[in-house]
């Protein structure tokens, strides 16, 4: 009987996965409610595979290191530009539309990343990696450039006129900005300078990664996927 109990305990532990998740960025991650589009999506897929997910909320910049050092089983929001072996990355599970946002009263005109020079810019953490070398090069010449893990601070600083440009996902801005002003979207210009950013899940276990990829395809073909998109009001621009 003792042997059976030990085996059951081992199985239970094996089915519980620790996952590094970036700090709150609604609608994708809502840490204080332990939910969000990404969390619900990944949880549903792994539950279908018989696993429980235990999220650990950390600054986005720490996730890759935690995965590489074996401190977590999984990490959300990885890209092929992150310092994680490519063979440990899943298929794209969520796509962000990162944009540059300015106040209309500033009358900022941006046709390319080169036009961002000279402005004060606050971006999301790891933006200089995620958005590529051209972006990193152009913002290096900015009057002020910083990256913040708390994206609500980006929105607040922009709406208060303390910075010229905010670089972030359009859905995150839409959701956070309503906390500050109901008419926030009417006050800003959206500059579509970046291609879509596809994020992947980083896995410690490559066998689980392969299972996840198959289950992800099945979930996207189900009725649950569009229902989840509607639940979190994920705007998907068609360009």
Protein backbone atom coordinates (compact mmCIF):
# COMPACT_ATOMS: atom_id res chain seq x y z
CA UNK A 1 0.00 0.00 0.00
CA UNK A 2 2.84 2.40 0.86
CA UNK A 3 4.44 1.74 -2.52
CA UNK A 4 1.14 2.50 -4.27
CA UNK A 5 0.75 5.75 -2.37
CA UNK A 6 4.28 6.79 -3.30
CA UNK A 7 3.62 6.05 -6.95
CA UNK A 8 0.37 8.04 -6.87
CA UNK A 9 2.20 10.95 -5.24
CA UNK A 10 4.89 10.86 -7.93
CA UNK A 11 2.28 10.89 -10.71
CA UNK A 12 0.44 13.80 -9.08
CA UNK A 13 3.65 15.80 -8.83
CA UNK A 14 4.61 15.00 -12.42
CA UNK A 15 1.28 16.33 -13.69
CA UNK A 16 1.73 19.71 -11.97
CA UNK A 17 3.75 22.13 -14.13
CA UNK A 18 5.33 25.36 -12.91
CA UNK A 19 5.04 28.08 -15.55
CA UNK A 20 6.78 31.47 -15.63
CA UNK A 21 4.29 34.18 -16.58
CA UNK A 22 4.98 37.88 -17.07
CA UNK A 23 3.34 40.44 -14.83
CA UNK A 24 -0.18 41.68 -15.44
CA UNK A 25 -0.90 42.72 -19.01
CA UNK A 26 -4.64 42.49 -19.57
CA UNK A 27 -6.35 40.99 -21.50
CA UNK A 28 -3.59 38.40 -21.91
CA UNK A 29 -2.58 38.00 -18.25
CA UNK A 30 -4.55 39.27 -15.24
CA UNK A 31 -2.32 38.17 -12.38
CA UNK A 32 -4.46 39.25 -9.41
CA UNK A 33 -7.33 37.15 -10.78
CA UNK A 34 -5.08 34.33 -11.98
CA UNK A 35 -6.63 34.40 -15.44
CA UNK A 36 -6.38 36.00 -18.88
CA UNK A 37 -6.50 34.98 -22.53
CA UNK A 38 -3.06 33.36 -22.53
CA UNK A 39 -3.43 31.68 -19.15
CA UNK A 40 -6.85 30.27 -19.98
CA UNK A 41 -5.64 29.08 -23.38
CA UNK A 42 -2.53 27.27 -22.14
CA UNK A 43 -4.34 25.88 -19.10
CA UNK A 44 -7.13 24.43 -21.25
CA UNK A 45 -4.67 22.74 -23.58
CA UNK A 46 -2.57 21.25 -20.79
CA UNK A 47 -5.63 20.13 -18.85
CA UNK A 48 -6.65 18.20 -21.95
CA UNK A 49 -3.25 16.51 -21.68
CA UNK A 50 -3.79 15.72 -17.99
CA UNK A 51 -1.63 18.43 -16.46
CA UNK A 52 -2.24 21.15 -13.89
CA UNK A 53 -0.52 24.53 -14.35
CA UNK A 54 0.89 26.54 -11.46
CA UNK A 55 1.83 30.04 -12.69
CA UNK A 56 4.69 32.02 -11.18
CA UNK A 57 4.38 35.73 -11.97
CA UNK A 58 7.71 37.39 -12.70
CA UNK A 59 9.02 40.36 -14.71
CA UNK A 60 9.03 39.38 -18.39
CA UNK A 61 12.82 39.73 -18.56
CA UNK A 62 13.36 36.90 -16.06
CA UNK A 63 11.33 34.16 -17.77
CA UNK A 64 13.96 32.92 -20.23
CA UNK A 65 16.63 32.65 -17.53
CA UNK A 66 14.31 30.73 -15.23
CA UNK A 67 13.56 28.25 -18.01
CA UNK A 68 17.22 27.84 -18.95
CA UNK A 69 18.18 27.19 -15.32
CA UNK A 70 15.44 24.61 -14.83
CA UNK A 71 13.58 26.72 -12.27
CA UNK A 72 10.30 26.30 -14.17
CA UNK A 73 8.81 23.70 -16.51
CA UNK A 74 7.45 26.26 -18.95
CA UNK A 75 7.65 29.95 -19.80
CA UNK A 76 5.16 32.05 -21.73
CA UNK A 77 5.93 34.76 -24.30
CA UNK A 78 9.12 33.33 -25.72
CA UNK A 79 10.31 34.20 -29.23
CA UNK A 80 13.12 32.90 -31.41
CA UNK A 81 15.05 36.07 -30.54
CA UNK A 82 15.11 35.12 -26.85
CA UNK A 83 18.13 33.29 -25.38
CA UNK A 84 16.30 29.94 -25.36
CA UNK A 85 17.20 27.00 -27.66
CA UNK A 86 14.80 26.95 -30.61
CA UNK A 87 14.08 23.26 -30.14
CA UNK A 88 12.52 24.11 -26.76
CA UNK A 89 9.95 26.48 -28.28
CA UNK A 90 6.40 25.56 -29.23
CA UNK A 91 4.45 26.73 -32.23
CA UNK A 92 3.08 30.28 -32.00
CA UNK A 93 0.21 30.22 -29.51
CA UNK A 94 -0.64 33.93 -29.41
CA UNK A 95 0.07 36.86 -31.72
CA UNK A 96 0.54 40.42 -30.48
CA UNK A 97 0.16 43.57 -32.58
CA UNK A 98 2.78 45.89 -31.15
CA UNK A 99 2.36 49.52 -32.13
CA UNK A 100 3.68 52.97 -31.36
CA UNK A 101 1.14 55.23 -29.64
CA UNK A 102 1.29 59.01 -29.41
CA UNK A 103 -1.09 61.72 -28.24
CA UNK A 104 -3.05 63.40 -31.04
CA UNK A 105 -2.19 66.83 -29.66
CA UNK A 106 1.49 66.05 -30.23
CA UNK A 107 0.87 65.65 -33.98
CA UNK A 108 3.59 63.03 -34.28
CA UNK A 109 4.12 61.60 -37.76
CA UNK A 110 5.85 58.23 -37.98
CA UNK A 111 6.29 56.46 -41.32
CA UNK A 112 9.17 54.23 -40.25
CA UNK A 113 11.18 53.28 -37.18
CA UNK A 114 13.82 55.81 -38.21
CA UNK A 115 11.29 58.58 -37.50
CA UNK A 116 11.31 57.65 -33.79
CA UNK A 117 14.67 59.32 -33.24
CA UNK A 118 14.61 62.27 -30.90
CA UNK A 119 11.43 61.30 -29.07
CA UNK A 120 11.07 60.11 -25.49
CA UNK A 121 9.94 56.46 -25.60
CA UNK A 122 8.77 53.95 -23.03
CA UNK A 123 8.40 50.35 -24.23
CA UNK A 124 7.51 47.00 -22.73
CA UNK A 125 10.25 44.92 -21.15
CA UNK A 126 12.50 43.17 -23.71
CA UNK A 127 11.07 45.24 -26.58
CA UNK A 128 14.59 45.86 -27.90
CA UNK A 129 14.93 42.07 -28.30
CA UNK A 130 11.40 41.17 -29.39
CA UNK A 131 11.07 43.95 -31.99
CA UNK A 132 14.44 43.28 -33.62
CA UNK A 133 17.76 44.97 -34.33
CA UNK A 134 16.39 47.84 -36.42
CA UNK A 135 14.14 48.96 -33.58
CA UNK A 136 16.96 48.60 -31.03
CA UNK A 137 19.26 50.68 -33.23
CA UNK A 138 16.78 53.48 -33.83
CA UNK A 139 15.69 53.91 -30.21
CA UNK A 140 19.31 54.01 -29.05
CA UNK A 141 19.41 57.55 -30.45
CA UNK A 142 16.23 58.64 -28.67
CA UNK A 143 16.12 61.48 -26.15
CA UNK A 144 14.90 58.96 -23.60
CA UNK A 145 14.33 55.25 -23.98
CA UNK A 146 13.35 52.86 -21.21
CA UNK A 147 11.53 49.53 -20.84
CA UNK A 148 9.09 48.88 -18.01
CA UNK A 149 7.70 45.57 -16.72
CA UNK A 150 4.54 47.32 -15.46
CA UNK A 151 2.73 48.36 -18.63
CA UNK A 152 0.13 50.42 -16.81
CA UNK A 153 2.94 52.90 -16.13
CA UNK A 154 3.52 53.24 -19.88
CA UNK A 155 -0.11 54.14 -20.45
CA UNK A 156 -0.23 56.56 -17.51
CA UNK A 157 2.96 58.35 -18.59
CA UNK A 158 1.66 58.73 -22.15
CA UNK A 159 -1.80 60.01 -21.21
CA UNK A 160 -0.24 62.49 -18.78
CA UNK A 161 2.03 63.81 -21.53
CA UNK A 162 5.21 62.79 -19.71
CA UNK A 163 6.53 60.83 -22.70
CA UNK A 164 6.13 61.20 -26.46
CA UNK A 165 5.70 57.57 -27.48
CA UNK A 166 4.56 54.30 -25.91
CA UNK A 167 5.47 51.01 -27.57
CA UNK A 168 3.13 48.15 -26.68
CA UNK A 169 0.47 45.74 -27.91
CA UNK A 170 -2.72 47.46 -29.05
CA UNK A 171 -4.99 45.16 -27.02
CA UNK A 172 -3.01 45.81 -23.84
CA UNK A 173 -3.34 49.55 -24.42
CA UNK A 174 -7.08 49.25 -25.11
CA UNK A 175 -7.68 47.41 -21.84
CA UNK A 176 -5.36 49.36 -19.52
CA UNK A 177 -6.24 52.82 -20.85
CA UNK A 178 -9.88 52.51 -19.79
CA UNK A 179 -8.72 52.59 -16.17
CA UNK A 180 -7.41 56.10 -16.72
CA UNK A 181 -9.83 57.58 -19.27
CA UNK A 182 -12.96 56.33 -20.97
CA UNK A 183 -12.06 58.27 -24.11
CA UNK A 184 -8.37 57.29 -24.23
CA UNK A 185 -8.58 55.78 -27.72
CA UNK A 186 -9.96 59.07 -29.04
CA UNK A 187 -6.94 60.93 -27.66
CA UNK A 188 -4.20 58.94 -29.38
CA UNK A 189 -2.79 58.09 -32.79
CA UNK A 190 -1.77 54.49 -33.50
CA UNK A 191 1.33 53.98 -35.65
CA UNK A 192 1.53 50.49 -37.20
CA UNK A 193 5.30 50.21 -37.66
CA UNK A 194 5.85 46.59 -36.65
CA UNK A 195 4.85 43.25 -38.11
CA UNK A 196 2.82 40.91 -35.87
CA UNK A 197 4.81 39.29 -33.05
CA UNK A 198 4.21 35.58 -32.60
CA UNK A 199 4.89 34.26 -29.10
CA UNK A 200 5.74 30.66 -28.22
CA UNK A 201 5.78 28.62 -25.02
CA UNK A 202 9.21 27.54 -23.83
CA UNK A 203 9.34 23.98 -22.48
CA UNK A 204 11.90 22.14 -20.40
CA UNK A 205 10.49 18.77 -21.55
CA UNK A 206 10.65 18.36 -25.35
CA UNK A 207 8.21 15.43 -25.33
CA UNK A 208 5.61 17.63 -23.60
CA UNK A 209 6.33 20.36 -26.16
CA UNK A 210 5.39 18.00 -29.01
CA UNK A 211 2.18 16.99 -27.22
CA UNK A 212 1.35 20.64 -26.63
CA UNK A 213 1.78 21.55 -30.31
CA UNK A 214 -0.65 18.84 -31.39
CA UNK A 215 -3.18 19.80 -28.72
CA UNK A 216 -2.84 23.49 -29.66
CA UNK A 217 -3.88 22.75 -33.24
CA UNK A 218 -6.88 20.77 -32.03
CA UNK A 219 -7.95 23.53 -29.61
CA UNK A 220 -7.81 26.17 -32.34
CA UNK A 221 -10.16 24.06 -34.46
CA UNK A 222 -12.67 23.77 -31.62
CA UNK A 223 -15.55 26.07 -30.66
CA UNK A 224 -13.70 26.96 -27.45
CA UNK A 225 -11.08 29.08 -29.22
CA UNK A 226 -13.35 31.76 -30.78
CA UNK A 227 -15.34 31.80 -27.53
CA UNK A 228 -12.14 32.58 -25.60
CA UNK A 229 -11.27 35.38 -28.03
CA UNK A 230 -14.72 36.88 -27.49
CA UNK A 231 -14.51 36.53 -23.70
CA UNK A 232 -11.38 38.69 -23.53
CA UNK A 233 -12.31 41.02 -26.41
CA UNK A 234 -9.12 40.33 -28.35
CA UNK A 235 -9.08 42.73 -31.30
CA UNK A 236 -7.44 41.13 -34.33
CA UNK A 237 -6.68 43.77 -36.98
CA UNK A 238 -6.90 42.35 -40.48
CA UNK A 239 -3.65 43.83 -41.73
